[in-house]
N, C-alpha and C. Protein backbone atom coordinates (compact mmCIF):
# COMPACT_ATOMS: atom_id res chain seq x y z
N MET A 1 1.07 -1.55 -0.20
CA MET A 1 -0.15 0.03 0.25
C MET A 1 0.93 1.35 0.49
N LYS A 2 0.27 2.12 -0.63
CA LYS A 2 1.16 3.43 -1.03
C LYS A 2 0.49 4.65 -0.04
N LYS A 3 1.57 5.07 1.08
CA LYS A 3 1.91 6.54 2.08
C LYS A 3 1.96 7.99 1.43
N SER A 4 0.62 8.28 1.44
CA SER A 4 1.07 9.64 1.13
C SER A 4 1.81 10.67 1.69
N LEU A 5 2.77 11.14 0.89
CA LEU A 5 3.80 11.73 1.41
C LEU A 5 3.70 13.97 0.97
N GLY A 6 2.47 13.63 0.47
CA GLY A 6 2.07 15.33 0.47
C GLY A 6 2.70 15.66 -0.91
N PRO A 7 2.26 16.66 -1.01
CA PRO A 7 2.71 17.95 -1.95
C PRO A 7 4.37 18.34 -2.16
N HIS A 8 5.39 17.36 -2.69
CA HIS A 8 6.76 17.50 -2.62
C HIS A 8 7.35 17.75 -3.76
N THR A 9 8.29 18.52 -4.36
CA THR A 9 9.16 18.27 -5.07
C THR A 9 10.08 16.83 -4.98
N ILE A 10 9.37 15.89 -5.46
CA ILE A 10 10.09 14.39 -5.68
C ILE A 10 9.75 14.46 -6.88
N VAL A 11 10.76 13.41 -7.78
CA VAL A 11 11.60 12.70 -9.21
C VAL A 11 12.90 12.05 -9.07
N HIS A 12 12.16 10.73 -9.49
CA HIS A 12 13.20 10.33 -9.32
C HIS A 12 13.58 9.61 -10.99
N PRO A 13 14.67 9.88 -11.34
CA PRO A 13 16.16 10.59 -10.96
C PRO A 13 16.07 12.19 -11.24
N THR A 14 16.46 12.52 -10.17
CA THR A 14 16.55 14.64 -11.33
C THR A 14 17.72 14.75 -12.12
N PRO A 15 17.96 15.27 -12.97
CA PRO A 15 19.20 15.81 -13.51
C PRO A 15 20.07 16.50 -12.31
N VAL A 16 21.63 16.19 -12.65
CA VAL A 16 21.98 17.64 -11.94
C VAL A 16 22.91 18.37 -13.52
N PHE A 17 22.16 19.59 -13.46
CA PHE A 17 22.77 20.03 -14.46
C PHE A 17 23.67 21.57 -13.91
N VAL A 18 24.70 21.98 -14.57
CA VAL A 18 25.31 23.30 -14.23
C VAL A 18 25.29 24.75 -14.94
N VAL A 19 24.30 25.35 -15.28
CA VAL A 19 24.30 26.35 -15.65
C VAL A 19 25.10 27.02 -16.27
N GLY A 20 25.46 27.89 -17.23
CA GLY A 20 26.89 28.33 -17.64
C GLY A 20 25.96 29.54 -18.42
N THR A 21 26.89 30.74 -17.58
CA THR A 21 25.74 32.46 -17.86
C THR A 21 27.16 32.93 -18.08
N PHE A 22 27.13 34.39 -18.91
CA PHE A 22 28.12 35.41 -18.33
C PHE A 22 27.04 36.62 -17.74
N ASP A 23 28.02 37.28 -16.96
CA ASP A 23 27.29 38.43 -16.16
C ASP A 23 27.86 39.56 -17.03
N SER A 24 27.40 40.13 -16.22
CA SER A 24 27.17 41.88 -17.52
C SER A 24 28.90 42.65 -17.74
N ASN A 25 29.51 41.98 -17.20
CA ASN A 25 31.08 42.19 -16.89
C ASN A 25 31.64 41.22 -18.02
N GLY A 26 30.75 40.31 -18.41
CA GLY A 26 31.52 38.83 -19.51
C GLY A 26 32.41 38.32 -18.41
N ARG A 27 31.92 38.20 -17.50
CA ARG A 27 32.99 36.98 -16.20
C ARG A 27 32.20 35.40 -16.81
N PRO A 28 32.82 34.54 -16.76
CA PRO A 28 31.52 33.35 -16.90
C PRO A 28 31.68 32.95 -15.08
N ASN A 29 30.31 32.87 -15.09
CA ASN A 29 29.53 31.95 -14.18
C ASN A 29 28.68 30.71 -14.26
N VAL A 30 28.33 29.87 -13.18
CA VAL A 30 27.84 28.75 -13.38
C VAL A 30 27.34 28.41 -11.81
N MET A 31 26.04 27.60 -12.11
CA MET A 31 25.52 26.94 -11.26
C MET A 31 24.82 25.81 -11.12
N THR A 32 25.21 25.13 -10.27
CA THR A 32 23.95 23.54 -10.11
C THR A 32 22.30 24.25 -9.99
N ALA A 33 21.82 23.09 -11.36
CA ALA A 33 20.31 23.00 -10.82
C ALA A 33 20.09 22.28 -11.19
N ALA A 34 19.17 21.64 -9.97
CA ALA A 34 18.15 20.19 -10.42
C ALA A 34 17.08 20.43 -10.86
N TRP A 35 16.27 21.22 -10.92
CA TRP A 35 15.53 21.61 -11.75
C TRP A 35 15.03 21.37 -13.59
N GLY A 36 14.94 20.15 -13.97
CA GLY A 36 14.90 20.82 -15.37
C GLY A 36 15.06 19.44 -15.98
N GLY A 37 14.68 19.38 -17.40
CA GLY A 37 15.22 18.83 -18.25
C GLY A 37 14.32 18.60 -19.65
N ILE A 38 14.80 18.02 -20.70
CA ILE A 38 13.90 17.91 -21.66
C ILE A 38 12.67 18.89 -22.23
N CYS A 39 12.23 19.36 -22.76
CA CYS A 39 11.14 19.50 -23.24
C CYS A 39 10.35 20.15 -23.95
N CYS A 40 10.93 19.35 -25.12
CA CYS A 40 10.12 19.85 -26.33
C CYS A 40 11.29 19.57 -27.03
N SER A 41 10.85 18.49 -28.35
CA SER A 41 12.04 17.36 -29.27
C SER A 41 11.79 18.57 -30.61
N ALA A 42 11.09 19.11 -31.00
CA ALA A 42 11.19 19.86 -32.45
C ALA A 42 10.40 21.59 -32.43
N PRO A 43 11.49 22.37 -31.92
CA PRO A 43 13.23 21.87 -32.24
C PRO A 43 13.72 21.63 -30.53
N PRO A 44 14.54 20.89 -30.39
CA PRO A 44 14.91 20.54 -29.31
C PRO A 44 14.91 21.59 -28.50
N CYS A 45 14.64 21.25 -27.57
CA CYS A 45 14.62 22.42 -25.96
C CYS A 45 14.86 21.84 -24.42
N VAL A 46 15.60 22.71 -23.81
CA VAL A 46 15.47 22.16 -22.61
C VAL A 46 15.57 22.98 -21.66
N ALA A 47 14.64 22.51 -19.89
CA ALA A 47 13.86 23.85 -19.33
C ALA A 47 14.89 23.54 -18.42
N VAL A 48 14.88 24.19 -17.34
CA VAL A 48 15.50 24.50 -16.79
C VAL A 48 14.91 25.81 -15.70
N SER A 49 14.65 25.98 -14.21
CA SER A 49 13.30 26.48 -13.09
C SER A 49 14.69 27.17 -12.59
N LEU A 50 14.76 28.21 -11.80
CA LEU A 50 16.17 29.00 -11.58
C LEU A 50 15.00 29.74 -10.49
N ARG A 51 15.36 29.84 -9.00
CA ARG A 51 15.28 31.10 -8.32
C ARG A 51 15.84 32.85 -8.33
N LYS A 52 14.66 34.10 -8.84
CA LYS A 52 15.43 35.11 -8.39
C LYS A 52 16.59 35.72 -8.22
N ALA A 53 16.56 34.12 -6.71
CA ALA A 53 17.55 35.60 -5.89
C ALA A 53 19.01 34.54 -6.50
N THR A 54 19.20 33.87 -7.30
CA THR A 54 20.54 33.46 -7.94
C THR A 54 21.24 34.75 -8.61
N TYR A 55 22.01 34.22 -8.96
CA TYR A 55 22.75 35.42 -9.81
C TYR A 55 22.38 35.03 -10.99
N THR A 56 22.38 33.65 -11.51
CA THR A 56 22.86 33.14 -12.86
C THR A 56 21.13 34.40 -13.84
N TYR A 57 20.33 33.90 -13.04
CA TYR A 57 19.37 34.30 -12.85
C TYR A 57 19.00 35.65 -13.93
N GLY A 58 19.79 36.68 -13.14
CA GLY A 58 19.78 37.84 -13.98
C GLY A 58 20.79 37.63 -15.11
N CYS A 59 21.93 36.36 -15.11
CA CYS A 59 22.96 36.60 -16.28
C CYS A 59 22.25 36.03 -17.42
N LEU A 60 21.03 35.26 -17.46
CA LEU A 60 20.76 34.49 -18.14
C LEU A 60 19.54 35.31 -18.89
N LEU A 61 19.00 36.21 -17.66
CA LEU A 61 17.83 37.25 -18.73
C LEU A 61 18.65 38.12 -19.70
N ASN A 62 19.78 38.69 -18.90
CA ASN A 62 20.29 39.40 -19.89
C ASN A 62 20.87 39.02 -21.12
N ARG A 63 21.65 38.23 -20.93
CA ARG A 63 22.35 37.31 -22.18
C ARG A 63 21.23 36.84 -23.26
N LYS A 64 20.19 36.56 -22.80
CA LYS A 64 19.63 35.75 -23.15
C LYS A 64 19.85 34.18 -23.96
N ALA A 65 20.91 33.45 -23.57
CA ALA A 65 21.85 32.29 -23.49
C ALA A 65 22.34 32.07 -22.54
N PHE A 66 21.96 30.65 -22.79
CA PHE A 66 23.24 29.61 -21.21
C PHE A 66 23.51 28.18 -22.07
N THR A 67 24.14 27.94 -21.42
CA THR A 67 24.64 26.43 -21.64
C THR A 67 23.82 25.19 -20.49
N ILE A 68 24.31 24.25 -20.39
CA ILE A 68 23.87 23.14 -19.81
C ILE A 68 25.14 21.99 -19.82
N SER A 69 26.29 22.05 -19.18
CA SER A 69 27.17 21.32 -18.77
C SER A 69 26.42 20.34 -18.10
N ILE A 70 26.93 19.13 -18.64
CA ILE A 70 26.39 17.48 -17.92
C ILE A 70 27.78 16.98 -17.41
N PRO A 71 28.27 17.42 -15.36
CA PRO A 71 29.20 16.80 -15.19
C PRO A 71 28.89 14.93 -15.08
N SER A 72 29.89 14.71 -14.74
CA SER A 72 30.25 13.10 -14.04
C SER A 72 30.43 12.82 -13.09
N GLU A 73 30.41 11.54 -13.17
CA GLU A 73 30.53 11.25 -11.29
C GLU A 73 31.77 11.62 -10.55
N LYS A 74 33.15 11.78 -11.23
CA LYS A 74 34.17 12.41 -11.18
C LYS A 74 34.03 13.37 -10.83
N TYR A 75 33.62 14.86 -11.66
CA TYR A 75 33.49 15.89 -10.57
C TYR A 75 32.17 16.27 -9.34
N VAL A 76 31.60 15.37 -8.89
CA VAL A 76 30.26 15.55 -8.64
C VAL A 76 31.14 16.67 -7.07
N LYS A 77 32.39 17.06 -6.58
CA LYS A 77 32.00 17.62 -5.84
C LYS A 77 31.99 18.86 -5.95
N GLU A 78 32.76 19.36 -6.71
CA GLU A 78 32.46 20.27 -8.05
C GLU A 78 31.53 21.24 -8.22
N ALA A 79 30.26 19.87 -8.37
CA ALA A 79 29.23 20.14 -9.32
C ALA A 79 28.41 20.49 -8.03
N ASP A 80 28.44 20.06 -6.61
CA ASP A 80 27.91 20.72 -5.66
C ASP A 80 28.26 21.96 -4.96
N TYR A 81 29.65 21.65 -5.19
CA TYR A 81 30.14 23.54 -4.65
C TYR A 81 29.61 24.42 -5.40
N PHE A 82 29.59 24.28 -6.98
CA PHE A 82 28.75 25.55 -7.77
C PHE A 82 27.25 25.55 -7.33
N GLY A 83 26.86 24.48 -6.62
CA GLY A 83 25.78 24.98 -6.14
C GLY A 83 25.28 25.79 -4.64
N MET A 84 26.49 25.35 -3.99
CA MET A 84 26.55 26.37 -2.74
C MET A 84 26.80 27.92 -1.95
N VAL A 85 27.51 28.04 -3.17
CA VAL A 85 28.28 29.50 -3.42
C VAL A 85 27.73 30.69 -4.72
N SER A 86 27.59 31.71 -4.16
CA SER A 86 27.09 32.69 -5.38
C SER A 86 28.03 32.61 -6.37
N GLY A 87 27.62 33.41 -7.59
CA GLY A 87 28.53 33.67 -8.56
C GLY A 87 29.16 35.29 -8.42
N LYS A 88 28.04 35.92 -8.00
CA LYS A 88 28.17 37.16 -7.05
C LYS A 88 29.32 37.64 -6.65
N THR A 89 30.27 36.62 -5.73
CA THR A 89 30.90 37.39 -4.98
C THR A 89 32.22 36.02 -5.04
N THR A 90 32.30 34.98 -5.39
CA THR A 90 33.01 34.40 -6.08
C THR A 90 33.06 33.57 -7.49
N ASP A 91 34.71 33.48 -8.08
CA ASP A 91 34.97 32.51 -8.91
C ASP A 91 35.04 31.53 -9.30
N LYS A 92 34.01 30.85 -9.10
CA LYS A 92 33.54 29.77 -9.24
C LYS A 92 34.91 28.51 -10.18
N PHE A 93 35.43 28.98 -11.28
CA PHE A 93 36.36 28.11 -11.92
C PHE A 93 37.66 28.20 -11.47
N ALA A 94 37.76 29.54 -10.16
CA ALA A 94 39.33 29.97 -9.86
C ALA A 94 39.22 28.72 -8.87
N GLN A 95 38.18 28.78 -8.03
CA GLN A 95 38.13 28.30 -6.79
C GLN A 95 37.78 26.71 -7.33
N THR A 96 37.52 25.67 -7.88
CA THR A 96 37.55 24.69 -8.54
C THR A 96 38.85 24.37 -9.39
N GLY A 97 39.22 25.42 -9.91
CA GLY A 97 40.49 25.02 -11.12
C GLY A 97 39.92 24.38 -12.29
N LEU A 98 38.34 24.33 -12.48
CA LEU A 98 37.78 24.33 -14.07
C LEU A 98 38.09 25.53 -14.45
N THR A 99 37.80 24.94 -15.97
CA THR A 99 38.01 26.00 -16.98
C THR A 99 36.82 26.36 -17.71
N PRO A 100 36.74 27.76 -17.80
CA PRO A 100 35.40 28.01 -18.33
C PRO A 100 35.53 28.18 -19.89
N GLU A 101 35.28 28.07 -20.72
CA GLU A 101 34.70 27.83 -22.14
C GLU A 101 33.94 28.39 -23.10
N LYS A 102 33.90 29.20 -23.78
CA LYS A 102 33.26 30.09 -24.50
C LYS A 102 32.61 29.18 -25.43
N SER A 103 31.28 29.69 -25.36
CA SER A 103 30.14 28.82 -26.58
C SER A 103 30.40 29.99 -27.88
N MET A 104 30.92 28.89 -29.01
CA MET A 104 30.89 29.37 -30.26
C MET A 104 29.70 29.96 -31.20
N LEU A 105 28.86 28.96 -30.12
CA LEU A 105 27.29 29.68 -30.62
C LEU A 105 26.06 30.15 -29.94
N VAL A 106 26.47 30.44 -28.93
CA VAL A 106 25.49 31.60 -28.11
C VAL A 106 26.44 32.26 -26.86
N ASP A 107 25.75 33.09 -26.19
CA ASP A 107 27.05 34.15 -25.27
C ASP A 107 26.54 33.43 -23.94
N ALA A 108 27.43 32.55 -24.32
CA ALA A 108 27.44 31.29 -22.61
C ALA A 108 29.20 30.84 -22.59
N PRO A 109 29.44 30.70 -21.41
CA PRO A 109 30.53 29.68 -21.30
C PRO A 109 29.86 28.45 -20.63
N PHE A 110 30.75 27.25 -20.54
CA PHE A 110 30.47 25.74 -20.63
C PHE A 110 31.77 24.97 -19.39
N VAL A 111 31.47 24.14 -18.67
CA VAL A 111 32.75 23.82 -18.08
C VAL A 111 33.42 22.49 -19.06
N ALA A 112 35.11 23.13 -19.72
CA ALA A 112 35.47 22.68 -20.23
C ALA A 112 35.86 21.03 -19.76
N GLU A 113 35.90 20.90 -18.95
CA GLU A 113 36.16 19.58 -18.48
C GLU A 113 35.12 18.24 -17.95
N PHE A 114 33.64 19.45 -17.94
CA PHE A 114 32.32 17.98 -18.64
C PHE A 114 32.70 17.52 -19.61
N PRO A 115 32.04 16.03 -19.34
CA PRO A 115 32.21 15.67 -20.37
C PRO A 115 30.79 15.73 -21.88
N MET A 116 29.71 16.79 -21.53
CA MET A 116 28.84 16.97 -22.40
C MET A 116 28.63 18.57 -21.98
N VAL A 117 27.57 19.33 -23.04
CA VAL A 117 27.52 20.68 -22.96
C VAL A 117 25.88 21.02 -23.87
N LEU A 118 25.20 21.24 -23.17
CA LEU A 118 24.03 21.96 -24.32
C LEU A 118 24.00 23.37 -24.51
N GLU A 119 24.59 23.81 -26.18
CA GLU A 119 24.56 25.34 -25.85
C GLU A 119 23.23 25.86 -26.80
N CYS A 120 22.46 27.02 -25.77
CA CYS A 120 21.08 27.06 -25.92
C CYS A 120 20.91 28.60 -26.23
N LYS A 121 20.26 29.12 -26.96
CA LYS A 121 19.16 30.07 -26.63
C LYS A 121 17.68 29.83 -25.75
N LEU A 122 18.12 31.25 -25.29
CA LEU A 122 16.68 31.41 -24.09
C LEU A 122 15.25 31.93 -25.26
N THR A 123 14.42 30.75 -24.96
CA THR A 123 13.19 31.25 -25.96
C THR A 123 12.23 31.26 -25.57
N HIS A 124 11.98 30.94 -24.16
CA HIS A 124 11.19 31.81 -23.22
C HIS A 124 11.19 31.61 -21.78
N HIS A 125 10.32 32.02 -21.23
CA HIS A 125 10.59 32.13 -19.62
C HIS A 125 9.20 32.65 -19.27
N TRP A 126 8.77 31.95 -17.68
CA TRP A 126 7.64 31.97 -17.02
C TRP A 126 8.23 32.03 -15.98
N GLU A 127 7.29 33.14 -14.84
CA GLU A 127 7.27 33.09 -13.24
C GLU A 127 5.99 32.27 -13.18
N LEU A 128 7.13 31.28 -12.60
CA LEU A 128 5.54 29.77 -11.62
C LEU A 128 5.68 30.25 -10.01
N GLY A 129 6.01 30.72 -9.55
CA GLY A 129 5.93 30.82 -7.36
C GLY A 129 7.51 31.49 -7.45
N LEU A 130 7.79 30.33 -6.67
CA LEU A 130 9.21 30.69 -6.29
C LEU A 130 10.62 30.17 -7.52
N HIS A 131 9.97 29.83 -8.04
CA HIS A 131 10.71 29.53 -9.33
C HIS A 131 10.64 30.03 -10.97
N THR A 132 11.66 30.59 -11.47
CA THR A 132 11.46 30.81 -13.08
C THR A 132 11.95 30.13 -14.17
N LEU A 133 10.52 29.24 -14.83
CA LEU A 133 11.26 28.16 -15.67
C LEU A 133 11.84 29.20 -17.12
N PHE A 134 13.14 28.64 -17.34
CA PHE A 134 13.50 29.41 -18.73
C PHE A 134 13.78 28.12 -19.51
N VAL A 135 13.16 28.08 -20.86
CA VAL A 135 13.33 27.38 -21.97
C VAL A 135 14.09 27.87 -22.78
N GLY A 136 15.12 27.17 -22.71
CA GLY A 136 15.95 26.89 -24.21
C GLY A 136 16.49 25.92 -25.44
N GLU A 137 15.89 26.76 -26.85
CA GLU A 137 16.48 25.60 -27.85
C GLU A 137 17.46 25.52 -27.98
N ILE A 138 17.98 24.11 -28.12
CA ILE A 138 19.18 23.49 -28.18
C ILE A 138 19.95 23.76 -29.47
N LEU A 139 20.41 24.48 -29.50
CA LEU A 139 21.74 24.39 -30.45
C LEU A 139 22.20 23.99 -31.46
N ASP A 140 23.06 22.95 -30.42
CA ASP A 140 24.08 21.90 -30.18
C ASP A 140 24.01 21.40 -29.03
N VAL A 141 24.39 20.13 -29.41
CA VAL A 141 25.30 19.56 -28.15
C VAL A 141 26.76 18.99 -28.35
N LYS A 142 27.20 19.09 -27.26
CA LYS A 142 28.77 18.95 -27.94
C LYS A 142 29.32 17.29 -26.59
N ALA A 143 30.04 16.44 -26.80
CA ALA A 143 30.20 15.92 -26.05
C ALA A 143 31.55 15.17 -26.53
N GLU A 144 32.52 14.98 -25.26
CA GLU A 144 34.02 14.47 -25.52
C GLU A 144 34.00 13.20 -26.26
N GLU A 145 34.76 12.52 -27.16
CA GLU A 145 34.62 11.82 -28.06
C GLU A 145 35.19 10.09 -27.43
N SER A 146 35.51 10.19 -25.79
CA SER A 146 35.46 9.46 -25.04
C SER A 146 34.50 9.01 -24.78
N VAL A 147 33.15 10.11 -24.67
CA VAL A 147 31.84 9.38 -24.25
C VAL A 147 31.12 8.68 -25.11
N LEU A 148 30.88 8.97 -26.27
CA LEU A 148 30.60 8.73 -27.85
C LEU A 148 30.57 7.02 -27.65
N GLY A 149 29.75 6.20 -28.41
CA GLY A 149 29.62 4.96 -28.85
C GLY A 149 29.67 4.90 -29.85
N PRO A 150 29.37 3.41 -30.68
CA PRO A 150 29.57 3.41 -31.71
C PRO A 150 28.96 3.89 -32.65
N LYS A 151 27.83 4.52 -32.75
CA LYS A 151 27.04 5.03 -33.82
C LYS A 151 27.23 6.59 -33.72
N GLY A 152 27.95 7.07 -32.75
CA GLY A 152 28.24 8.46 -32.63
C GLY A 152 27.82 9.56 -32.01
N MET A 153 26.92 8.86 -30.66
CA MET A 153 26.01 9.23 -29.86
C MET A 153 26.48 8.79 -28.81
N THR A 154 26.07 9.29 -27.60
CA THR A 154 27.12 9.81 -26.29
C THR A 154 26.50 7.84 -25.71
N ASN A 155 27.26 7.85 -24.91
CA ASN A 155 27.11 6.64 -24.06
C ASN A 155 26.77 6.70 -22.84
N ILE A 156 25.75 6.33 -22.11
CA ILE A 156 25.41 7.20 -20.58
C ILE A 156 26.32 6.35 -19.74
N GLU A 157 27.33 5.15 -20.07
CA GLU A 157 27.52 4.69 -19.08
C GLU A 157 29.23 4.97 -19.26
N LYS A 158 29.75 5.94 -20.32
CA LYS A 158 30.85 6.58 -20.65
C LYS A 158 30.78 8.30 -19.97
N VAL A 159 29.89 8.48 -20.17
CA VAL A 159 29.32 9.85 -19.61
C VAL A 159 29.21 9.78 -17.91
N LYS A 160 28.99 9.13 -17.09
CA LYS A 160 28.49 9.12 -16.00
C LYS A 160 28.17 10.18 -15.53
N PRO A 161 26.79 10.59 -15.65
CA PRO A 161 26.01 11.73 -15.62
C PRO A 161 25.60 11.52 -13.82
N LEU A 162 25.13 12.35 -13.17
CA LEU A 162 24.67 12.57 -11.73
C LEU A 162 23.17 12.57 -11.29
N ALA A 163 23.04 12.23 -10.74
CA ALA A 163 21.01 12.04 -10.40
C ALA A 163 21.35 12.38 -8.61
N TYR A 164 20.23 13.32 -9.15
CA TYR A 164 19.96 14.21 -7.70
C TYR A 164 18.78 13.56 -6.94
N ALA A 165 18.56 13.13 -5.44
CA ALA A 165 17.26 12.86 -5.44
C ALA A 165 17.46 13.81 -4.62
N PRO A 166 15.89 14.37 -4.26
CA PRO A 166 15.96 15.63 -3.71
C PRO A 166 15.10 15.43 -2.43
N ASP A 167 14.36 14.59 -1.86
CA ASP A 167 14.35 13.79 -0.92
C ASP A 167 15.05 13.46 0.02
N THR A 168 16.10 12.93 -0.16
CA THR A 168 16.82 13.22 0.97
C THR A 168 18.77 14.06 0.80
N GLN A 169 18.44 14.30 -0.50
CA GLN A 169 19.62 15.65 -0.87
C GLN A 169 20.79 14.71 -0.94
N HIS A 170 21.00 13.62 -1.98
CA HIS A 170 21.98 12.70 -2.12
C HIS A 170 22.75 12.44 -3.64
N TYR A 171 23.50 12.72 -3.66
CA TYR A 171 23.79 12.26 -5.37
C TYR A 171 24.45 11.06 -5.42
N PHE A 172 23.66 10.35 -6.86
CA PHE A 172 24.09 9.35 -6.98
C PHE A 172 24.32 9.06 -8.40
N GLY A 173 24.98 7.73 -8.74
CA GLY A 173 25.10 7.80 -10.32
C GLY A 173 24.16 6.40 -10.98
N ILE A 174 24.90 6.60 -12.29
CA ILE A 174 23.46 5.74 -13.06
C ILE A 174 24.33 4.30 -13.08
N GLY A 175 22.93 3.46 -13.20
CA GLY A 175 22.81 1.71 -13.08
C GLY A 175 23.41 1.37 -14.50
N GLN A 176 23.70 0.05 -14.07
CA GLN A 176 23.52 -0.41 -15.58
C GLN A 176 22.04 -0.46 -16.52
N SER A 177 21.93 -0.76 -17.87
CA SER A 177 21.12 -1.19 -18.45
C SER A 177 19.83 -1.52 -17.99
N LEU A 178 18.52 -2.00 -18.63
CA LEU A 178 17.82 -3.17 -18.70
C LEU A 178 17.03 -3.36 -19.79
N GLY A 179 17.59 -2.82 -21.00
CA GLY A 179 16.85 -3.11 -22.29
C GLY A 179 16.72 -1.90 -22.81
N PRO A 180 16.70 -2.23 -24.22
CA PRO A 180 16.44 -1.15 -25.27
C PRO A 180 15.36 -0.64 -25.25
N ALA A 181 14.60 0.79 -25.13
CA ALA A 181 13.49 1.40 -25.24
C ALA A 181 12.62 0.92 -26.50
N PHE A 182 11.34 1.25 -26.41
CA PHE A 182 10.64 0.67 -27.64
C PHE A 182 11.11 -0.69 -28.35
N SER A 183 11.54 -1.05 -27.59
CA SER A 183 12.22 -3.11 -27.55
C SER A 183 11.33 -3.70 -26.84
N ILE A 184 12.24 -3.44 -25.45
CA ILE A 184 12.02 -4.66 -24.23
C ILE A 184 10.47 -4.29 -24.22
N GLY A 185 9.15 -3.64 -23.69
CA GLY A 185 8.12 -3.36 -23.69
C GLY A 185 7.20 -4.02 -24.97
N SER A 186 7.95 -4.85 -26.08
CA SER A 186 6.98 -4.60 -27.63
C SER A 186 6.19 -6.23 -26.76
N PRO A 187 4.69 -5.63 -27.56
CA PRO A 187 3.97 -7.09 -26.94
C PRO A 187 3.91 -8.90 -27.29
N LYS A 188 4.75 -8.21 -28.69
CA LYS A 188 5.07 -9.57 -28.83
C LYS A 188 6.67 -10.46 -27.97
N ASP A 189 6.71 -9.59 -27.03
CA ASP A 189 7.81 -10.06 -26.14
C ASP A 189 7.25 -10.48 -24.28
N GLN A 190 6.01 -10.12 -24.47
CA GLN A 190 5.57 -10.40 -23.54
C GLN A 190 4.74 -11.50 -23.27
N THR A 191 4.68 -11.32 -21.95
CA THR A 191 3.97 -13.21 -21.20
C THR A 191 3.20 -12.26 -20.47
N ARG A 192 2.32 -13.45 -20.09
CA ARG A 192 1.39 -12.50 -19.31
C ARG A 192 1.07 -13.81 -18.35
N ASN A 193 1.03 -13.69 -16.90
CA ASN A 193 0.56 -13.69 -16.09
C ASN A 193 -0.60 -14.36 -15.34
N PRO A 194 -0.75 -15.58 -15.31
CA PRO A 194 -2.21 -16.52 -15.41
C PRO A 194 -2.87 -15.48 -14.17
C-alpha cells in the first residue's frame, strides 16, 4: 500500500545540470540546478527552473543564452560546490580549478572538463512561483569523443552523469542498462501472468 507523502518536489531521478552564463562584465559564471529536463523535440529544447535570488537568473535574462554542462561522477564535489556559493561574490572556476570555455554558438560559457554540454538560446521564460522556468532551444550538443558510442552518439555509461535525489539530498550514479527502449516492452515479447 502506498503512503501519502504530501505535495513535494520529488521525482526520481532528477538530473544535475550546471547552468553557464556570462555576467554583465563578461565574467563566466556557473550554478548547479536540479529542476530541469528536456521539454520539446522539435525544435529541441531544454528547460531549467531558477530562483530570482540566484546570480545566474539575472545573467541569463540579460544575455538571452545559457549552457547546460553535464558533470560526470568524477566531478561530483565541484558540481555540488557550484550550487552552494554565489557567482556574485565568488569566481567558481578559480576556486575549483575548472576551465570556462566560451560557446561558439551562444553568449555563454561551459565547463570544459565536463563530458557534455548543451548550447542554448533563451526562447521563453515564465514565473511559476518561487522559480522561473527558462526554456532554451538547443543549438548544439557537444560531447567528448571518449564518451561516444559506436553510432557516434553519447553512451550514458561513459558519460557517467549524476542523478540527484531531492528528498534525501544525495547524489547518485547511473546503474546498468535494463534493455532497449521501444523494444523491451514490445507486446510480442510480453508473457502474461495467469
